[in-house]
Structure formats: C-alpha cells, structure tokens
Amino acid sequence: MSDLTELYQSVILDHNRRPQNKGAMEQADAHADGRNPLCGDQLTVWLRFDGDVITDVTFVGTGCAISQASASLMTQAIKGKTRAEAESMFTQVHDMVRGHTPPPADARGPLGALAALSGVSRFPVRVKCASLAWHTMKAAMDDPSAGAGQVASVSTE
C-alpha cells in the first residue's frame, strides 16, 4: 500500500473518531437534513453566514466512517469560504469521489485534506456516503426558506 493511500486512510479514520465541528447550532441561518436510505447514514448540517461568507458550519449525524469523516472534513474546508467557493468545492469533491477527475497527487493540492476522500471512487457503493454531507450543505445553501424555520432535505437515493 502506498504512503499516500495510508495517509488518506489515516485522515478518514481520524475524522471519524474525532470529528470536527460536530454539534447542533443555535441560531443558524440555514440547515438541511440528509439521509442515505441504502446504508442508513443520516445527518443535519447547519450554516451561519455573514453576508456571503460561511462563518460557521456544524453537523450532527450517524453513519459509516466515510460519511462522518466527510462531514467533518467538509465543515473544516468550507468555514470562512463564500457561497461560491463552497459550491465550487462541492463540485470538485463530487467529481473526485465519482472518479470523474484524477485523484490528487497529494494533500497539498487545492483540495487539501479533502483529497483523503479520493479513494472512495474505487468503491462506487460508497460514493453516496462520501457525498451526503456535501449534498446536504448545498441543499441548505440553495433553499432560501431553510433559514426561516424550514428544513431543506436531501436524499441520496
């Protein structure tokens, strides 16, 4: 096994064991619920904005190591980014986990630690696990009513 593959596995396991930004958020501007009925992964993502910038993001969920690590990695990656930057990251990660772009050469590239999710492309059944948090975040950003007490919802069926 290559050093890079071992590093990526280590990142996934670490974020699953010690997820970052896990917890419900009071006074969020937007939130969404996501679920993957094929494997039972479920999560909620909360977002807070200052204008167009994501100032805080948290999640609560249950599921496999990949879904939980992906949510943790996502919260770290999009905090401080604009909506447009977060949407661009969504596209890049989604393309990467589906195998539509080559895996990053290392974690120093534009996706940083998110490169750890690239190995998912070799296991198509796990793509929905890795992309659930991202789809849920995008649903929260896209649904203007989500911040008004309504919950945007996404399913990876």
N, C-alpha and C. Protein backbone atom coordinates (compact mmCIF):
# COMPACT_ATOMS: atom_id res chain seq x y z
N MET A 1 0.85 -1.17 0.00
CA MET A 1 0.00 0.00 0.00
C MET A 1 0.90 1.24 0.00
N SER A 2 0.56 2.23 -0.83
CA SER A 2 1.40 3.42 -0.92
C SER A 2 1.27 4.28 0.33
N ASP A 3 2.29 5.11 0.57
CA ASP A 3 2.25 6.01 1.71
C ASP A 3 1.05 6.94 1.63
N LEU A 4 0.72 7.40 0.40
CA LEU A 4 -0.39 8.32 0.21
C LEU A 4 -1.72 7.64 0.57
N THR A 5 -1.90 6.40 0.16
CA THR A 5 -3.12 5.67 0.49
C THR A 5 -3.24 5.49 2.00
N GLU A 6 -2.13 5.17 2.65
CA GLU A 6 -2.14 5.03 4.11
C GLU A 6 -2.48 6.35 4.79
N LEU A 7 -1.93 7.46 4.26
CA LEU A 7 -2.23 8.77 4.82
C LEU A 7 -3.72 9.07 4.69
N TYR A 8 -4.28 8.80 3.53
CA TYR A 8 -5.69 9.08 3.30
C TYR A 8 -6.56 8.25 4.24
N GLN A 9 -6.22 6.97 4.41
CA GLN A 9 -6.98 6.13 5.33
C GLN A 9 -6.87 6.67 6.75
N SER A 10 -5.70 7.14 7.11
CA SER A 10 -5.48 7.70 8.44
C SER A 10 -6.34 8.95 8.65
N VAL A 11 -6.44 9.81 7.65
CA VAL A 11 -7.25 11.02 7.74
C VAL A 11 -8.72 10.66 7.94
N ILE A 12 -9.22 9.70 7.16
CA ILE A 12 -10.62 9.28 7.28
C ILE A 12 -10.88 8.73 8.69
N LEU A 13 -10.01 7.84 9.15
CA LEU A 13 -10.20 7.24 10.47
C LEU A 13 -10.13 8.29 11.58
N ASP A 14 -9.21 9.24 11.46
CA ASP A 14 -9.06 10.27 12.48
C ASP A 14 -10.31 11.15 12.55
N HIS A 15 -10.83 11.57 11.39
CA HIS A 15 -12.02 12.42 11.38
C HIS A 15 -13.27 11.66 11.83
N ASN A 16 -13.29 10.37 11.63
CA ASN A 16 -14.41 9.58 12.13
C ASN A 16 -14.35 9.46 13.65
N ARG A 17 -13.16 9.22 14.19
CA ARG A 17 -13.00 9.07 15.64
C ARG A 17 -13.13 10.39 16.39
N ARG A 18 -12.61 11.45 15.78
CA ARG A 18 -12.60 12.76 16.41
C ARG A 18 -13.13 13.81 15.42
N PRO A 19 -14.43 13.76 15.14
CA PRO A 19 -14.99 14.69 14.15
C PRO A 19 -14.89 16.14 14.62
N GLN A 20 -14.65 17.01 13.68
CA GLN A 20 -14.56 18.44 13.94
C GLN A 20 -15.93 19.07 13.69
N ASN A 21 -16.25 20.09 14.45
CA ASN A 21 -17.48 20.88 14.25
C ASN A 21 -18.74 20.04 14.36
N LYS A 22 -18.72 19.04 15.23
CA LYS A 22 -19.89 18.20 15.41
C LYS A 22 -20.72 18.76 16.56
N GLY A 23 -21.99 19.00 16.29
CA GLY A 23 -22.91 19.51 17.29
C GLY A 23 -23.95 20.39 16.62
N ALA A 24 -25.11 20.48 17.24
CA ALA A 24 -26.18 21.33 16.72
C ALA A 24 -25.78 22.80 16.87
N MET A 25 -26.32 23.65 16.01
CA MET A 25 -26.01 25.07 16.06
C MET A 25 -27.27 25.87 16.39
N GLU A 26 -27.15 26.69 17.41
CA GLU A 26 -28.23 27.63 17.75
C GLU A 26 -28.19 28.78 16.75
N GLN A 27 -29.33 29.29 16.40
CA GLN A 27 -29.45 30.47 15.55
C GLN A 27 -28.71 30.34 14.22
N ALA A 28 -28.87 29.22 13.58
CA ALA A 28 -28.29 29.03 12.25
C ALA A 28 -29.10 29.81 11.22
N ASP A 29 -28.45 30.22 10.17
CA ASP A 29 -29.13 30.90 9.07
C ASP A 29 -29.78 29.91 8.11
N ALA A 30 -29.24 28.71 8.06
CA ALA A 30 -29.77 27.68 7.17
C ALA A 30 -29.39 26.31 7.72
N HIS A 31 -30.22 25.34 7.43
CA HIS A 31 -29.87 23.97 7.79
C HIS A 31 -30.63 23.02 6.88
N ALA A 32 -30.13 21.80 6.82
CA ALA A 32 -30.77 20.77 5.99
C ALA A 32 -30.53 19.41 6.61
N ASP A 33 -31.45 18.52 6.35
CA ASP A 33 -31.32 17.12 6.77
C ASP A 33 -30.98 16.30 5.54
N GLY A 34 -30.07 15.36 5.71
CA GLY A 34 -29.71 14.46 4.62
C GLY A 34 -29.76 13.02 5.09
N ARG A 35 -30.08 12.13 4.16
CA ARG A 35 -30.08 10.72 4.53
C ARG A 35 -29.71 9.89 3.31
N ASN A 36 -29.11 8.76 3.59
CA ASN A 36 -28.78 7.78 2.57
C ASN A 36 -29.53 6.50 2.96
N PRO A 37 -30.70 6.27 2.37
CA PRO A 37 -31.51 5.13 2.78
C PRO A 37 -30.88 3.78 2.45
N LEU A 38 -29.90 3.77 1.56
CA LEU A 38 -29.26 2.49 1.20
C LEU A 38 -28.42 1.93 2.34
N CYS A 39 -27.81 2.83 3.13
CA CYS A 39 -26.96 2.32 4.21
C CYS A 39 -27.33 2.88 5.58
N GLY A 40 -28.25 3.82 5.62
CA GLY A 40 -28.70 4.35 6.91
C GLY A 40 -27.99 5.60 7.39
N ASP A 41 -27.05 6.14 6.61
CA ASP A 41 -26.38 7.38 7.02
C ASP A 41 -27.42 8.50 7.10
N GLN A 42 -27.33 9.31 8.17
CA GLN A 42 -28.21 10.46 8.35
C GLN A 42 -27.41 11.58 8.95
N LEU A 43 -27.69 12.81 8.53
CA LEU A 43 -27.05 13.94 9.17
C LEU A 43 -27.82 15.22 8.92
N THR A 44 -27.54 16.18 9.76
CA THR A 44 -28.07 17.53 9.63
C THR A 44 -26.87 18.46 9.58
N VAL A 45 -26.94 19.43 8.68
CA VAL A 45 -25.88 20.43 8.54
C VAL A 45 -26.49 21.80 8.83
N TRP A 46 -25.81 22.58 9.67
CA TRP A 46 -26.22 23.95 9.98
C TRP A 46 -25.17 24.91 9.44
N LEU A 47 -25.63 26.05 8.93
CA LEU A 47 -24.75 27.08 8.39
C LEU A 47 -25.11 28.43 8.98
N ARG A 48 -24.08 29.24 9.24
CA ARG A 48 -24.26 30.63 9.64
C ARG A 48 -23.44 31.48 8.67
N PHE A 49 -24.04 32.59 8.24
CA PHE A 49 -23.41 33.46 7.25
C PHE A 49 -23.21 34.86 7.79
N ASP A 50 -22.19 35.51 7.27
CA ASP A 50 -22.02 36.95 7.41
C ASP A 50 -21.98 37.45 5.98
N GLY A 51 -23.10 37.95 5.51
CA GLY A 51 -23.20 38.30 4.09
C GLY A 51 -23.14 37.03 3.26
N ASP A 52 -22.11 36.92 2.45
CA ASP A 52 -21.94 35.77 1.55
C ASP A 52 -20.94 34.75 2.10
N VAL A 53 -20.36 35.03 3.26
CA VAL A 53 -19.31 34.18 3.81
C VAL A 53 -19.88 33.23 4.87
N ILE A 54 -19.49 31.97 4.78
CA ILE A 54 -19.87 30.97 5.77
C ILE A 54 -18.98 31.18 6.99
N THR A 55 -19.58 31.69 8.06
CA THR A 55 -18.79 31.96 9.26
C THR A 55 -18.74 30.79 10.23
N ASP A 56 -19.75 29.91 10.13
CA ASP A 56 -19.75 28.74 10.98
C ASP A 56 -20.55 27.64 10.31
N VAL A 57 -20.15 26.42 10.55
CA VAL A 57 -20.83 25.25 9.99
C VAL A 57 -20.64 24.10 10.97
N THR A 58 -21.73 23.40 11.27
CA THR A 58 -21.67 22.25 12.15
C THR A 58 -22.55 21.14 11.58
N PHE A 59 -22.39 19.96 12.14
CA PHE A 59 -23.22 18.84 11.73
C PHE A 59 -23.45 17.91 12.90
N VAL A 60 -24.51 17.15 12.80
CA VAL A 60 -24.80 16.04 13.71
C VAL A 60 -25.26 14.91 12.83
N GLY A 61 -24.77 13.72 13.08
CA GLY A 61 -25.21 12.61 12.26
C GLY A 61 -24.74 11.27 12.77
N THR A 62 -25.27 10.27 12.13
CA THR A 62 -24.87 8.90 12.40
C THR A 62 -24.63 8.22 11.07
N GLY A 63 -23.75 7.26 11.07
CA GLY A 63 -23.48 6.52 9.85
C GLY A 63 -22.08 5.97 9.83
N CYS A 64 -21.69 5.58 8.66
CA CYS A 64 -20.39 4.93 8.49
C CYS A 64 -19.24 5.92 8.65
N ALA A 65 -18.04 5.40 8.76
CA ALA A 65 -16.84 6.22 8.95
C ALA A 65 -16.67 7.21 7.81
N ILE A 66 -16.98 6.80 6.59
CA ILE A 66 -16.78 7.69 5.45
C ILE A 66 -17.74 8.87 5.52
N SER A 67 -19.00 8.63 5.83
CA SER A 67 -19.96 9.74 5.88
C SER A 67 -19.61 10.71 7.00
N GLN A 68 -19.22 10.20 8.14
CA GLN A 68 -18.88 11.06 9.28
C GLN A 68 -17.58 11.83 9.02
N ALA A 69 -16.60 11.16 8.46
CA ALA A 69 -15.33 11.84 8.15
C ALA A 69 -15.53 12.89 7.08
N SER A 70 -16.34 12.58 6.07
CA SER A 70 -16.60 13.54 5.00
C SER A 70 -17.27 14.79 5.56
N ALA A 71 -18.23 14.61 6.47
CA ALA A 71 -18.90 15.76 7.09
C ALA A 71 -17.92 16.60 7.89
N SER A 72 -17.06 15.95 8.64
CA SER A 72 -16.07 16.66 9.44
C SER A 72 -15.10 17.42 8.54
N LEU A 73 -14.59 16.76 7.51
CA LEU A 73 -13.68 17.40 6.57
C LEU A 73 -14.36 18.58 5.87
N MET A 74 -15.62 18.39 5.48
CA MET A 74 -16.36 19.45 4.80
C MET A 74 -16.48 20.69 5.67
N THR A 75 -16.83 20.50 6.95
CA THR A 75 -17.00 21.66 7.82
C THR A 75 -15.71 22.46 7.94
N GLN A 76 -14.61 21.76 8.02
CA GLN A 76 -13.32 22.46 8.09
C GLN A 76 -13.01 23.19 6.79
N ALA A 77 -13.35 22.56 5.67
CA ALA A 77 -12.99 23.12 4.37
C ALA A 77 -13.81 24.34 3.99
N ILE A 78 -15.10 24.38 4.34
CA ILE A 78 -15.94 25.48 3.86
C ILE A 78 -16.05 26.65 4.83
N LYS A 79 -15.65 26.45 6.07
CA LYS A 79 -15.72 27.55 7.04
C LYS A 79 -14.81 28.69 6.57
N GLY A 80 -15.39 29.88 6.48
CA GLY A 80 -14.63 31.05 6.03
C GLY A 80 -14.69 31.25 4.52
N LYS A 81 -15.33 30.34 3.82
CA LYS A 81 -15.45 30.46 2.35
C LYS A 81 -16.75 31.16 1.98
N THR A 82 -16.77 31.72 0.78
CA THR A 82 -18.01 32.29 0.26
C THR A 82 -18.91 31.17 -0.23
N ARG A 83 -20.16 31.51 -0.48
CA ARG A 83 -21.09 30.52 -1.04
C ARG A 83 -20.54 29.96 -2.35
N ALA A 84 -20.02 30.84 -3.19
CA ALA A 84 -19.49 30.41 -4.49
C ALA A 84 -18.31 29.46 -4.31
N GLU A 85 -17.44 29.77 -3.37
CA GLU A 85 -16.29 28.89 -3.12
C GLU A 85 -16.75 27.54 -2.59
N ALA A 86 -17.74 27.53 -1.70
CA ALA A 86 -18.27 26.28 -1.16
C ALA A 86 -18.93 25.45 -2.27
N GLU A 87 -19.65 26.10 -3.16
CA GLU A 87 -20.27 25.38 -4.27
C GLU A 87 -19.22 24.82 -5.22
N SER A 88 -18.15 25.56 -5.44
CA SER A 88 -17.06 25.07 -6.27
C SER A 88 -16.40 23.85 -5.63
N MET A 89 -16.21 23.90 -4.31
CA MET A 89 -15.64 22.75 -3.61
C MET A 89 -16.59 21.55 -3.70
N PHE A 90 -17.90 21.80 -3.58
CA PHE A 90 -18.89 20.73 -3.73
C PHE A 90 -18.67 20.02 -5.07
N THR A 91 -18.57 20.80 -6.13
CA THR A 91 -18.39 20.22 -7.47
C THR A 91 -17.09 19.44 -7.57
N GLN A 92 -16.01 20.01 -7.06
CA GLN A 92 -14.71 19.34 -7.13
C GLN A 92 -14.71 18.02 -6.36
N VAL A 93 -15.27 18.04 -5.15
CA VAL A 93 -15.30 16.83 -4.33
C VAL A 93 -16.23 15.80 -4.96
N HIS A 94 -17.38 16.24 -5.43
CA HIS A 94 -18.34 15.32 -6.04
C HIS A 94 -17.71 14.65 -7.27
N ASP A 95 -17.04 15.42 -8.10
CA ASP A 95 -16.37 14.85 -9.28
C ASP A 95 -15.26 13.89 -8.87
N MET A 96 -14.52 14.25 -7.81
CA MET A 96 -13.41 13.41 -7.35
C MET A 96 -13.92 12.06 -6.83
N VAL A 97 -14.95 12.07 -5.97
CA VAL A 97 -15.40 10.82 -5.38
C VAL A 97 -16.10 9.93 -6.41
N ARG A 98 -16.63 10.53 -7.47
CA ARG A 98 -17.25 9.74 -8.53
C ARG A 98 -16.23 9.27 -9.57
N GLY A 99 -14.97 9.67 -9.39
CA GLY A 99 -13.92 9.24 -10.31
C GLY A 99 -13.90 10.00 -11.62
N HIS A 100 -14.53 11.17 -11.67
CA HIS A 100 -14.57 11.97 -12.88
C HIS A 100 -13.36 12.87 -13.05
N THR A 101 -12.57 12.98 -12.00
CA THR A 101 -11.30 13.70 -12.07
C THR A 101 -10.24 12.81 -11.47
N PRO A 102 -9.00 12.95 -11.91
CA PRO A 102 -7.95 12.10 -11.33
C PRO A 102 -7.74 12.43 -9.86
N PRO A 103 -7.38 11.42 -9.07
CA PRO A 103 -7.11 11.69 -7.66
C PRO A 103 -5.96 12.67 -7.51
N PRO A 104 -6.03 13.54 -6.51
CA PRO A 104 -4.94 14.49 -6.29
C PRO A 104 -3.64 13.75 -6.01
N ALA A 105 -2.55 14.34 -6.43
CA ALA A 105 -1.24 13.73 -6.23
C ALA A 105 -0.86 13.71 -4.76
N ASP A 106 -1.28 14.73 -4.02
CA ASP A 106 -1.01 14.76 -2.58
C ASP A 106 -1.97 15.73 -1.90
N ALA A 107 -1.91 15.77 -0.60
CA ALA A 107 -2.82 16.59 0.19
C ALA A 107 -2.43 18.06 0.20
N ARG A 108 -1.39 18.44 -0.52
CA ARG A 108 -1.00 19.85 -0.59
C ARG A 108 -1.68 20.56 -1.75
N GLY A 109 -2.49 19.84 -2.52
CA GLY A 109 -3.18 20.42 -3.67
C GLY A 109 -4.32 21.32 -3.24
N PRO A 110 -5.11 21.77 -4.21
CA PRO A 110 -6.17 22.73 -3.91
C PRO A 110 -7.25 22.20 -2.96
N LEU A 111 -7.44 20.90 -2.90
CA LEU A 111 -8.46 20.35 -2.01
C LEU A 111 -7.91 20.01 -0.63
N GLY A 112 -6.61 20.07 -0.45
CA GLY A 112 -6.02 19.80 0.86
C GLY A 112 -6.41 18.44 1.39
N ALA A 113 -6.84 18.41 2.66
CA ALA A 113 -7.19 17.15 3.31
C ALA A 113 -8.37 16.44 2.66
N LEU A 114 -9.18 17.18 1.89
CA LEU A 114 -10.31 16.55 1.20
C LEU A 114 -9.84 15.49 0.21
N ALA A 115 -8.58 15.54 -0.18
CA ALA A 115 -8.02 14.53 -1.08
C ALA A 115 -8.15 13.13 -0.48
N ALA A 116 -8.29 13.06 0.83
CA ALA A 116 -8.45 11.77 1.50
C ALA A 116 -9.68 11.03 1.01
N LEU A 117 -10.66 11.75 0.50
CA LEU A 117 -11.89 11.12 0.01
C LEU A 117 -11.75 10.55 -1.39
N SER A 118 -10.63 10.77 -2.04
CA SER A 118 -10.47 10.33 -3.44
C SER A 118 -10.54 8.82 -3.60
N GLY A 119 -10.13 8.06 -2.59
CA GLY A 119 -10.15 6.61 -2.67
C GLY A 119 -11.55 6.03 -2.78
N VAL A 120 -12.56 6.81 -2.42
CA VAL A 120 -13.95 6.36 -2.50
C VAL A 120 -14.33 6.02 -3.93
N SER A 121 -13.70 6.67 -4.90
CA SER A 121 -14.07 6.44 -6.31
C SER A 121 -13.86 4.99 -6.72
N ARG A 122 -13.03 4.27 -6.02
CA ARG A 122 -12.80 2.85 -6.34
C ARG A 122 -13.92 1.95 -5.81
N PHE A 123 -14.81 2.52 -5.00
CA PHE A 123 -15.90 1.77 -4.39
C PHE A 123 -17.22 2.51 -4.65
N PRO A 124 -17.81 2.32 -5.82
CA PRO A 124 -19.00 3.10 -6.20
C PRO A 124 -20.13 3.09 -5.18
N VAL A 125 -20.28 2.01 -4.45
CA VAL A 125 -21.36 1.94 -3.46
C VAL A 125 -21.12 2.92 -2.32
N ARG A 126 -19.89 3.39 -2.12
CA ARG A 126 -19.55 4.31 -1.02
C ARG A 126 -19.58 5.77 -1.43
N VAL A 127 -19.78 6.05 -2.72
CA VAL A 127 -19.80 7.44 -3.20
C VAL A 127 -20.88 8.24 -2.48
N LYS A 128 -22.04 7.64 -2.29
CA LYS A 128 -23.13 8.36 -1.62
C LYS A 128 -22.80 8.64 -0.16
N CYS A 129 -22.03 7.78 0.46
CA CYS A 129 -21.59 8.01 1.84
C CYS A 129 -20.70 9.26 1.90
N ALA A 130 -19.78 9.35 0.96
CA ALA A 130 -18.84 10.47 0.95
C ALA A 130 -19.48 11.77 0.52
N SER A 131 -20.51 11.71 -0.30
CA SER A 131 -21.11 12.94 -0.83
C SER A 131 -22.33 13.42 -0.05
N LEU A 132 -22.83 12.64 0.90
CA LEU A 132 -24.04 13.02 1.63
C LEU A 132 -23.90 14.39 2.31
N ALA A 133 -22.85 14.61 3.04
CA ALA A 133 -22.67 15.88 3.75
C ALA A 133 -22.62 17.05 2.76
N TRP A 134 -21.99 16.83 1.63
CA TRP A 134 -21.85 17.87 0.62
C TRP A 134 -23.19 18.21 0.00
N HIS A 135 -23.99 17.18 -0.32
CA HIS A 135 -25.32 17.44 -0.87
C HIS A 135 -26.20 18.14 0.16
N THR A 136 -26.05 17.77 1.41
CA THR A 136 -26.85 18.37 2.47
C THR A 136 -26.46 19.84 2.66
N MET A 137 -25.17 20.12 2.65
CA MET A 137 -24.71 21.51 2.75
C MET A 137 -25.25 22.33 1.59
N LYS A 138 -25.18 21.78 0.39
CA LYS A 138 -25.66 22.51 -0.80
C LYS A 138 -27.16 22.73 -0.71
N ALA A 139 -27.92 21.75 -0.21
CA ALA A 139 -29.37 21.92 -0.05
C ALA A 139 -29.67 23.05 0.93
N ALA A 140 -28.91 23.14 2.00
CA ALA A 140 -29.10 24.21 2.98
C ALA A 140 -28.82 25.57 2.34
N MET A 141 -27.78 25.66 1.53
CA MET A 141 -27.45 26.93 0.88
C MET A 141 -28.47 27.29 -0.21
N ASP A 142 -28.98 26.29 -0.91
CA ASP A 142 -29.87 26.53 -2.05
C ASP A 142 -31.30 26.84 -1.66
N ASP A 143 -31.74 26.41 -0.48
CA ASP A 143 -33.13 26.58 -0.09
C ASP A 143 -33.28 27.86 0.74
N PRO A 144 -33.83 28.91 0.13
CA PRO A 144 -33.93 30.18 0.87
C PRO A 144 -34.83 30.10 2.09
N SER A 145 -35.72 29.12 2.15
CA SER A 145 -36.60 29.01 3.31
C SER A 145 -35.95 28.26 4.46
N ALA A 146 -34.78 27.64 4.21
CA ALA A 146 -34.16 26.81 5.24
C ALA A 146 -33.82 27.61 6.49
N GLY A 147 -33.49 28.88 6.32
CA GLY A 147 -33.16 29.71 7.48
C GLY A 147 -34.37 30.28 8.18
N ALA A 148 -35.55 30.08 7.60
CA ALA A 148 -36.76 30.63 8.18
C ALA A 148 -37.57 29.58 8.91
N GLY A 149 -36.90 28.62 9.49
CA GLY A 149 -37.57 27.59 10.26
C GLY A 149 -37.94 26.35 9.45
N GLN A 150 -37.74 26.40 8.17
CA GLN A 150 -37.99 25.24 7.32
C GLN A 150 -36.69 24.47 7.15
N VAL A 151 -36.79 23.18 6.95
CA VAL A 151 -35.60 22.37 6.79
C VAL A 151 -35.53 21.88 5.34
N ALA A 152 -34.47 22.27 4.67
CA ALA A 152 -34.23 21.71 3.34
C ALA A 152 -33.87 20.24 3.55
N SER A 153 -34.21 19.39 2.62
CA SER A 153 -33.97 17.98 2.80
C SER A 153 -33.36 17.38 1.56
N VAL A 154 -32.50 16.42 1.74
CA VAL A 154 -31.86 15.75 0.61
C VAL A 154 -31.80 14.26 0.90
N SER A 155 -31.97 13.48 -0.14
CA SER A 155 -31.83 12.04 -0.04
C SER A 155 -30.93 11.58 -1.16
N THR A 156 -30.01 10.70 -0.88
CA THR A 156 -29.09 10.23 -1.92
C THR A 156 -29.58 8.95 -2.58
N GLU A 157 -30.88 8.79 -2.67
CA GLU A 157 -31.44 7.57 -3.30
C GLU A 157 -31.03 7.50 -4.75
